[in-house]
Amino acid sequence: MGSAKGAKKARQVREKNIKAKIQSAICIQQLYGDKITVRNIAEQAQISTTTAAKYLREIRKNNSNI
């Protein structure tokens, strides 16, 4: 596997893990009845607010109930 393929695969794995963290944080926020905000998701998932905003925007685009 070349370095480009390895980097692409690593990026995909990292992205998958971040999306799972965000989805988990969203479920926790919904369970407790808290407002789903970028800051709340970032703190719960332990990621930066910029990353949380990026993926939350993508998740909201695909799911209308969030």
Protein backbone atom coordinates (compact mmCIF):
# COMPACT_ATOMS: atom_id res chain seq x y z
CA MET A 1 0.00 0.00 0.00
CA GLY A 2 1.45 3.33 -1.01
CA SER A 3 1.60 6.29 1.28
CA ALA A 4 -1.29 8.02 -0.49
CA LYS A 5 -3.54 5.01 -0.04
CA GLY A 6 -2.46 4.63 3.58
CA ALA A 7 -3.15 8.29 4.30
CA LYS A 8 -6.57 8.05 2.65
CA LYS A 9 -7.47 4.99 4.71
CA ALA A 10 -6.25 6.63 7.94
CA ARG A 11 -8.33 9.70 7.18
CA GLN A 12 -11.43 7.57 6.58
CA VAL A 13 -10.93 5.74 9.88
CA ARG A 14 -10.41 9.01 11.77
CA GLU A 15 -13.53 10.51 10.15
CA LYS A 16 -15.58 7.44 11.04
CA ASN A 17 -14.47 7.63 14.68
CA ILE A 18 -15.29 11.35 14.92
CA LYS A 19 -18.76 10.82 13.43
CA ALA A 20 -19.40 8.03 15.94
CA LYS A 21 -18.34 10.31 18.82
CA ILE A 22 -20.63 13.07 17.59
CA GLN A 23 -23.56 10.70 17.12
CA SER A 24 -23.05 9.40 20.65
CA ALA A 25 -22.91 12.94 22.02
CA ILE A 26 -26.12 13.84 20.19
CA CYS A 27 -27.89 10.82 21.70
CA ILE A 28 -26.72 11.79 25.18
CA GLN A 29 -27.88 15.38 24.69
CA GLN A 30 -31.29 14.15 23.51
CA LEU A 31 -31.53 11.72 26.45
CA TYR A 32 -31.00 14.50 28.98
CA GLY A 33 -33.17 16.94 27.04
CA ASP A 34 -30.34 19.40 26.54
CA LYS A 35 -30.16 21.71 23.55
CA ILE A 36 -27.95 20.33 20.78
CA THR A 37 -25.33 22.98 20.13
CA VAL A 38 -21.88 22.87 18.63
CA ARG A 39 -20.28 23.69 21.97
CA ASN A 40 -22.23 21.00 23.86
CA ILE A 41 -21.39 18.38 21.24
CA ALA A 42 -17.71 19.39 21.20
CA GLU A 43 -17.43 19.13 24.97
CA GLN A 44 -19.25 15.80 25.14
CA ALA A 45 -17.30 14.24 22.24
CA GLN A 46 -14.01 15.84 23.34
CA ILE A 47 -13.30 17.36 19.95
CA SER A 48 -12.76 20.94 18.80
CA THR A 49 -15.72 23.19 18.12
CA THR A 50 -14.61 23.61 14.51
CA THR A 51 -14.68 19.85 13.94
CA ALA A 52 -18.00 19.54 15.75
CA ALA A 53 -19.53 22.29 13.59
CA LYS A 54 -18.31 20.65 10.39
CA TYR A 55 -19.72 17.22 11.11
CA LEU A 56 -22.86 18.45 12.89
CA ARG A 57 -23.72 20.48 9.80
CA GLU A 58 -23.30 17.33 7.70
CA ILE A 59 -25.39 15.22 10.09
CA ARG A 60 -28.16 17.83 10.24
CA LYS A 61 -28.22 17.95 6.44
CA ASN A 62 -28.85 14.19 6.31
CA ASN A 63 -31.23 14.00 9.31
CA SER A 64 -34.10 16.41 9.58
CA ASN A 65 -34.95 15.52 13.21
CA ILE A 66 -31.70 16.87 14.74
